Amino acid sequence: MPLNPVISVGQTPGNPGVVTIADLSTGSNVLITQRRVYLKTSLNTYLVEEGTTTDYEEWALIDSSIDIDALDKDYGLLVTVEWLDVTNVVLYTISDTYGLKCYNEDFDYGLTEMLTANPENIGDNSFFEHKSQLRNYIDSGDKAIERASDIYSAQVAYDKATKLRIKSAYNFNINA
């Protein structure tokens, strides 16, 4: 039976720089000798681990999943996996868009914990307004991916959330 390519893409809370890709494919093809993963941004650049000299990461066939430590913020990405033969001919490929937003999701949850510990924060320094904006930007990025596979609009929204996160001392009265 020929290969039926299927992947899952995700992140682990608390480890936002790493994207995990799992190969859930069924079937097989004896001609496959290698796999590659491309993480393409909305600016048509590729994210790879430090020290990688190609636009892709090699993914050993023996491994059912790969962790790629290449994210420095949240991204809307086009993730492509290729299965190749010994002469680098692509035999199978799968591509889809994903919102990788663990940096801002982790931060948002931290705000929830902060609010739980000190409910009065909701009235301080526009806390609730800024938290609502953060959630809105994250959700807007997600919707751009889910509804239209639009990594450009997702990136704009995720970047707005990132800006709020980076300026957290001003937006969320973190030091209170």
C-alpha atoms as a PDB file:
ATOM      1  CA  MET A   1       0.000   0.000   0.000  1.00  0.00           C
ATOM      2  CA  PRO A   2       1.479   3.432  -0.920  1.00  0.00           C
ATOM      3  CA  LEU A   3       2.210   6.016   1.731  1.00  0.00           C
ATOM      4  CA  ASN A   4      -0.715   8.152   2.880  1.00  0.00           C
ATOM      5  CA  PRO A   5       1.034  11.229   4.367  1.00  0.00           C
ATOM      6  CA  VAL A   6      -0.416  12.548   7.632  1.00  0.00           C
ATOM      7  CA  ILE A   7       1.316  14.793  10.190  1.00  0.00           C
ATOM      8  CA  SER A   8       0.462  16.540  13.407  1.00  0.00           C
ATOM      9  CA  VAL A   9       2.081  19.810  14.429  1.00  0.00           C
ATOM     10  CA  GLY A  10       2.091  21.269  17.918  1.00  0.00           C
ATOM     11  CA  GLN A  11       3.898  22.813  20.849  1.00  0.00           C
ATOM     12  CA  THR A  12       4.273  21.995  24.525  1.00  0.00           C
ATOM     13  CA  PRO A  13       3.153  24.643  27.026  1.00  0.00           C
ATOM     14  CA  GLY A  14       6.185  26.050  28.789  1.00  0.00           C
ATOM     15  CA  ASN A  15       8.502  25.254  25.869  1.00  0.00           C
ATOM     16  CA  PRO A  16       7.407  27.810  23.257  1.00  0.00           C
ATOM     17  CA  GLY A  17      10.561  27.807  21.102  1.00  0.00           C
ATOM     18  CA  VAL A  18      10.072  24.211  20.011  1.00  0.00           C
ATOM     19  CA  VAL A  19       7.638  22.891  17.416  1.00  0.00           C
ATOM     20  CA  THR A  20       6.956  19.141  17.458  1.00  0.00           C
ATOM     21  CA  ILE A  21       5.967  17.366  14.265  1.00  0.00           C
ATOM     22  CA  ALA A  22       4.776  13.773  14.310  1.00  0.00           C
ATOM     23  CA  ASP A  23       4.468  11.463  11.311  1.00  0.00           C
ATOM     24  CA  LEU A  24       1.106   9.693  11.516  1.00  0.00           C
ATOM     25  CA  SER A  25       1.237   8.361   7.947  1.00  0.00           C
ATOM     26  CA  THR A  26      -0.107   4.981   6.994  1.00  0.00           C
ATOM     27  CA  GLY A  27       1.211   2.688   4.295  1.00  0.00           C
ATOM     28  CA  SER A  28       4.791   2.599   3.104  1.00  0.00           C
ATOM     29  CA  ASN A  29       7.096   2.904   0.149  1.00  0.00           C
ATOM     30  CA  VAL A  30      10.467   1.118   0.089  1.00  0.00           C
ATOM     31  CA  LEU A  31      11.901   3.895  -2.095  1.00  0.00           C
ATOM     32  CA  ILE A  32      11.688   6.450   0.736  1.00  0.00           C
ATOM     33  CA  THR A  33      15.133   7.089   2.238  1.00  0.00           C
ATOM     34  CA  GLN A  34      14.765  10.502   3.852  1.00  0.00           C
ATOM     35  CA  ARG A  35      12.357  13.135   5.149  1.00  0.00           C
ATOM     36  CA  ARG A  36      12.570  16.932   5.267  1.00  0.00           C
ATOM     37  CA  VAL A  37      10.598  19.573   7.158  1.00  0.00           C
ATOM     38  CA  TYR A  38      10.142  23.168   5.991  1.00  0.00           C
ATOM     39  CA  LEU A  39       8.797  25.894   8.295  1.00  0.00           C
ATOM     40  CA  LYS A  40       7.886  28.784   5.993  1.00  0.00           C
ATOM     41  CA  THR A  41       6.911  32.195   7.403  1.00  0.00           C
ATOM     42  CA  SER A  42       4.537  34.763   5.954  1.00  0.00           C
ATOM     43  CA  LEU A  43       7.603  36.655   4.673  1.00  0.00           C
ATOM     44  CA  ASN A  44       8.686  33.611   2.599  1.00  0.00           C
ATOM     45  CA  THR A  45      11.635  32.894   4.869  1.00  0.00           C
ATOM     46  CA  TYR A  46      12.345  29.583   6.549  1.00  0.00           C
ATOM     47  CA  LEU A  47      12.860  28.860  10.228  1.00  0.00           C
ATOM     48  CA  VAL A  48      15.552  26.323  11.073  1.00  0.00           C
ATOM     49  CA  GLU A  49      17.587  25.438  14.128  1.00  0.00           C
ATOM     50  CA  GLU A  50      20.784  27.375  14.741  1.00  0.00           C
ATOM     51  CA  GLY A  51      23.617  25.889  12.691  1.00  0.00           C
ATOM     52  CA  THR A  52      21.374  24.497   9.937  1.00  0.00           C
ATOM     53  CA  THR A  53      22.590  25.660   6.519  1.00  0.00           C
ATOM     54  CA  THR A  54      19.547  24.620   4.466  1.00  0.00           C
ATOM     55  CA  ASP A  55      15.958  25.905   4.325  1.00  0.00           C
ATOM     56  CA  TYR A  56      14.797  22.651   5.898  1.00  0.00           C
ATOM     57  CA  GLU A  57      15.489  20.271   8.754  1.00  0.00           C
ATOM     58  CA  GLU A  58      16.430  16.660   8.087  1.00  0.00           C
ATOM     59  CA  TRP A  59      14.078  14.216   9.819  1.00  0.00           C
ATOM     60  CA  ALA A  60      15.416  10.703  10.305  1.00  0.00           C
ATOM     61  CA  LEU A  61      13.052   7.970   9.121  1.00  0.00           C
ATOM     62  CA  ILE A  62      13.619   6.011  12.313  1.00  0.00           C
ATOM     63  CA  ASP A  63      12.046   8.831  14.386  1.00  0.00           C
ATOM     64  CA  SER A  64       8.258   9.101  14.494  1.00  0.00           C
ATOM     65  CA  SER A  65       8.490  12.744  15.584  1.00  0.00           C
ATOM     66  CA  ILE A  66      10.928  15.623  15.476  1.00  0.00           C
ATOM     67  CA  ASP A  67      11.398  18.593  17.797  1.00  0.00           C
ATOM     68  CA  ILE A  68      12.631  21.710  16.011  1.00  0.00           C
ATOM     69  CA  ASP A  69      13.909  24.480  18.284  1.00  0.00           C
ATOM     70  CA  ALA A  70      13.572  27.415  15.888  1.00  0.00           C
ATOM     71  CA  LEU A  71      10.827  29.719  17.182  1.00  0.00           C
ATOM     72  CA  ASP A  72      11.693  33.049  18.777  1.00  0.00           C
ATOM     73  CA  LYS A  73       8.093  34.298  18.944  1.00  0.00           C
ATOM     74  CA  ASP A  74       4.644  33.179  17.808  1.00  0.00           C
ATOM     75  CA  TYR A  75       4.252  32.391  14.119  1.00  0.00           C
ATOM     76  CA  GLY A  76       1.691  31.571  11.494  1.00  0.00           C
ATOM     77  CA  LEU A  77       3.570  29.015   9.380  1.00  0.00           C
ATOM     78  CA  LEU A  78       3.222  26.864   6.314  1.00  0.00           C
ATOM     79  CA  VAL A  79       4.636  23.503   7.421  1.00  0.00           C
ATOM     80  CA  THR A  80       5.710  21.130   4.668  1.00  0.00           C
ATOM     81  CA  VAL A  81       7.038  17.604   5.045  1.00  0.00           C
ATOM     82  CA  GLU A  82       8.617  15.789   2.115  1.00  0.00           C
ATOM     83  CA  TRP A  83       9.469  12.111   1.760  1.00  0.00           C
ATOM     84  CA  LEU A  84      12.327  11.612  -0.723  1.00  0.00           C
ATOM     85  CA  ASP A  85      14.251   8.830  -2.401  1.00  0.00           C
ATOM     86  CA  VAL A  86      18.009   8.327  -2.435  1.00  0.00           C
ATOM     87  CA  THR A  87      18.443  10.749  -5.372  1.00  0.00           C
ATOM     88  CA  ASN A  88      16.473  13.556  -3.598  1.00  0.00           C
ATOM     89  CA  VAL A  89      13.360  13.105  -5.720  1.00  0.00           C
ATOM     90  CA  VAL A  90      10.272  14.063  -3.719  1.00  0.00           C
ATOM     91  CA  LEU A  91       7.942  11.069  -3.625  1.00  0.00           C
ATOM     92  CA  TYR A  92       5.308  12.451  -1.261  1.00  0.00           C
ATOM     93  CA  THR A  93       4.598  15.834   0.265  1.00  0.00           C
ATOM     94  CA  ILE A  94       2.105  17.316   2.682  1.00  0.00           C
ATOM     95  CA  SER A  95       1.635  21.013   3.535  1.00  0.00           C
ATOM     96  CA  ASP A  96      -0.722  22.891   5.797  1.00  0.00           C
ATOM     97  CA  THR A  97      -0.869  26.112   7.786  1.00  0.00           C
ATOM     98  CA  TYR A  98      -0.509  26.244  11.552  1.00  0.00           C
ATOM     99  CA  GLY A  99      -0.655  28.853  14.277  1.00  0.00           C
ATOM    100  CA  LEU A 100       2.231  28.276  16.678  1.00  0.00           C
ATOM    101  CA  LYS A 101       1.427  30.617  19.534  1.00  0.00           C
ATOM    102  CA  CYS A 102       2.762  29.087  22.712  1.00  0.00           C
ATOM    103  CA  TYR A 103       4.736  32.200  23.727  1.00  0.00           C
ATOM    104  CA  ASN A 104       1.597  34.315  23.985  1.00  0.00           C
ATOM    105  CA  GLU A 105      -0.630  31.481  25.267  1.00  0.00           C
ATOM    106  CA  ASP A 106       1.838  30.795  28.090  1.00  0.00           C
ATOM    107  CA  PHE A 107       1.906  34.501  28.901  1.00  0.00           C
ATOM    108  CA  ASP A 108      -1.895  34.782  28.803  1.00  0.00           C
ATOM    109  CA  TYR A 109      -2.222  31.880  31.222  1.00  0.00           C
ATOM    110  CA  GLY A 110       0.344  33.535  33.497  1.00  0.00           C
ATOM    111  CA  LEU A 111      -1.892  36.611  33.535  1.00  0.00           C
ATOM    112  CA  THR A 112      -4.819  34.420  34.530  1.00  0.00           C
ATOM    113  CA  GLU A 113      -2.776  33.015  37.420  1.00  0.00           C
ATOM    114  CA  MET A 114      -1.766  36.532  38.392  1.00  0.00           C
ATOM    115  CA  LEU A 115      -5.388  37.648  38.338  1.00  0.00           C
ATOM    116  CA  THR A 116      -6.406  34.682  40.477  1.00  0.00           C
ATOM    117  CA  ALA A 117      -3.737  35.502  43.050  1.00  0.00           C
ATOM    118  CA  ASN A 118      -4.605  39.202  43.094  1.00  0.00           C
ATOM    119  CA  PRO A 119      -8.128  39.897  41.726  1.00  0.00           C
ATOM    120  CA  GLU A 120      -7.686  43.623  42.300  1.00  0.00           C
ATOM    121  CA  ASN A 121      -5.251  43.669  39.356  1.00  0.00           C
ATOM    122  CA  ILE A 122      -8.212  43.703  37.015  1.00  0.00           C
ATOM    123  CA  GLY A 123      -8.745  47.368  37.914  1.00  0.00           C
ATOM    124  CA  ASP A 124      -5.085  48.363  37.772  1.00  0.00           C
ATOM    125  CA  ASN A 125      -3.381  49.973  34.797  1.00  0.00           C
ATOM    126  CA  SER A 126      -6.002  48.869  32.261  1.00  0.00           C
ATOM    127  CA  PHE A 127      -5.211  45.221  33.053  1.00  0.00           C
ATOM    128  CA  PHE A 128      -8.504  43.797  31.794  1.00  0.00           C
ATOM    129  CA  GLU A 129      -8.493  45.938  28.654  1.00  0.00           C
ATOM    130  CA  HIS A 130      -4.984  44.805  27.741  1.00  0.00           C
ATOM    131  CA  LYS A 131      -5.654  41.169  28.619  1.00  0.00           C
ATOM    132  CA  SER A 132      -8.756  41.279  26.404  1.00  0.00           C
ATOM    133  CA  GLN A 133      -6.685  42.757  23.563  1.00  0.00           C
ATOM    134  CA  LEU A 134      -4.059  40.038  23.998  1.00  0.00           C
ATOM    135  CA  ARG A 135      -6.700  37.291  23.859  1.00  0.00           C
ATOM    136  CA  ASN A 136      -8.359  38.964  20.873  1.00  0.00           C
ATOM    137  CA  TYR A 137      -5.085  39.119  18.910  1.00  0.00           C
ATOM    138  CA  ILE A 138      -4.266  35.483  19.648  1.00  0.00           C
ATOM    139  CA  ASP A 139      -7.760  34.375  18.662  1.00  0.00           C
ATOM    140  CA  SER A 140      -7.718  36.544  15.525  1.00  0.00           C
ATOM    141  CA  GLY A 141      -4.478  34.889  14.425  1.00  0.00           C
ATOM    142  CA  ASP A 142      -6.036  31.488  15.036  1.00  0.00           C
ATOM    143  CA  LYS A 143      -9.116  32.385  12.989  1.00  0.00           C
ATOM    144  CA  ALA A 144      -6.982  33.583  10.070  1.00  0.00           C
ATOM    145  CA  ILE A 145      -5.352  30.130  10.006  1.00  0.00           C
ATOM    146  CA  GLU A 146      -8.535  28.114  10.625  1.00  0.00           C
ATOM    147  CA  ARG A 147     -10.829  29.946   8.222  1.00  0.00           C
ATOM    148  CA  ALA A 148      -8.522  30.939   5.388  1.00  0.00           C
ATOM    149  CA  SER A 149      -5.056  29.347   5.898  1.00  0.00           C
ATOM    150  CA  ASP A 150      -3.890  32.968   5.956  1.00  0.00           C
ATOM    151  CA  ILE A 151      -0.472  33.007   7.612  1.00  0.00           C
ATOM    152  CA  TYR A 152       0.090  36.684   6.770  1.00  0.00           C
ATOM    153  CA  SER A 153      -2.972  37.941   8.691  1.00  0.00           C
ATOM    154  CA  ALA A 154      -2.238  35.456  11.461  1.00  0.00           C
ATOM    155  CA  GLN A 155       1.288  36.823  11.777  1.00  0.00           C
ATOM    156  CA  VAL A 156       0.058  40.413  12.004  1.00  0.00           C
ATOM    157  CA  ALA A 157      -2.301  39.423  14.826  1.00  0.00           C
ATOM    158  CA  TYR A 158       0.288  37.299  16.651  1.00  0.00           C
ATOM    159  CA  ASP A 159       2.823  40.140  16.388  1.00  0.00           C
ATOM    160  CA  LYS A 160       0.333  42.546  17.998  1.00  0.00           C
ATOM    161  CA  ALA A 161      -0.109  40.070  20.863  1.00  0.00           C
ATOM    162  CA  THR A 162       3.669  39.743  21.122  1.00  0.00           C
ATOM    163  CA  LYS A 163       4.016  43.518  21.389  1.00  0.00           C
ATOM    164  CA  LEU A 164       1.616  43.529  24.348  1.00  0.00           C
ATOM    165  CA  ARG A 165       3.552  40.666  25.962  1.00  0.00           C
ATOM    166  CA  ILE A 166       6.926  42.339  25.505  1.00  0.00           C
ATOM    167  CA  LYS A 167       5.621  45.569  27.059  1.00  0.00           C
ATOM    168  CA  SER A 168       3.957  43.658  29.894  1.00  0.00           C
ATOM    169  CA  ALA A 169       5.391  45.817  32.669  1.00  0.00           C
ATOM    170  CA  TYR A 170       3.490  48.786  31.202  1.00  0.00           C
ATOM    171  CA  ASN A 171       0.336  46.961  30.085  1.00  0.00           C
ATOM    172  CA  PHE A 172      -0.327  44.596  32.979  1.00  0.00           C
ATOM    173  CA  ASN A 173       1.131  46.219  36.095  1.00  0.00           C
ATOM    174  CA  ILE A 174       3.305  43.119  36.501  1.00  0.00           C
ATOM    175  CA  ASN A 175       5.358  44.641  39.305  1.00  0.00           C
ATOM    176  CA  ALA A 176       2.342  45.394  41.496  1.00  0.00           C
END
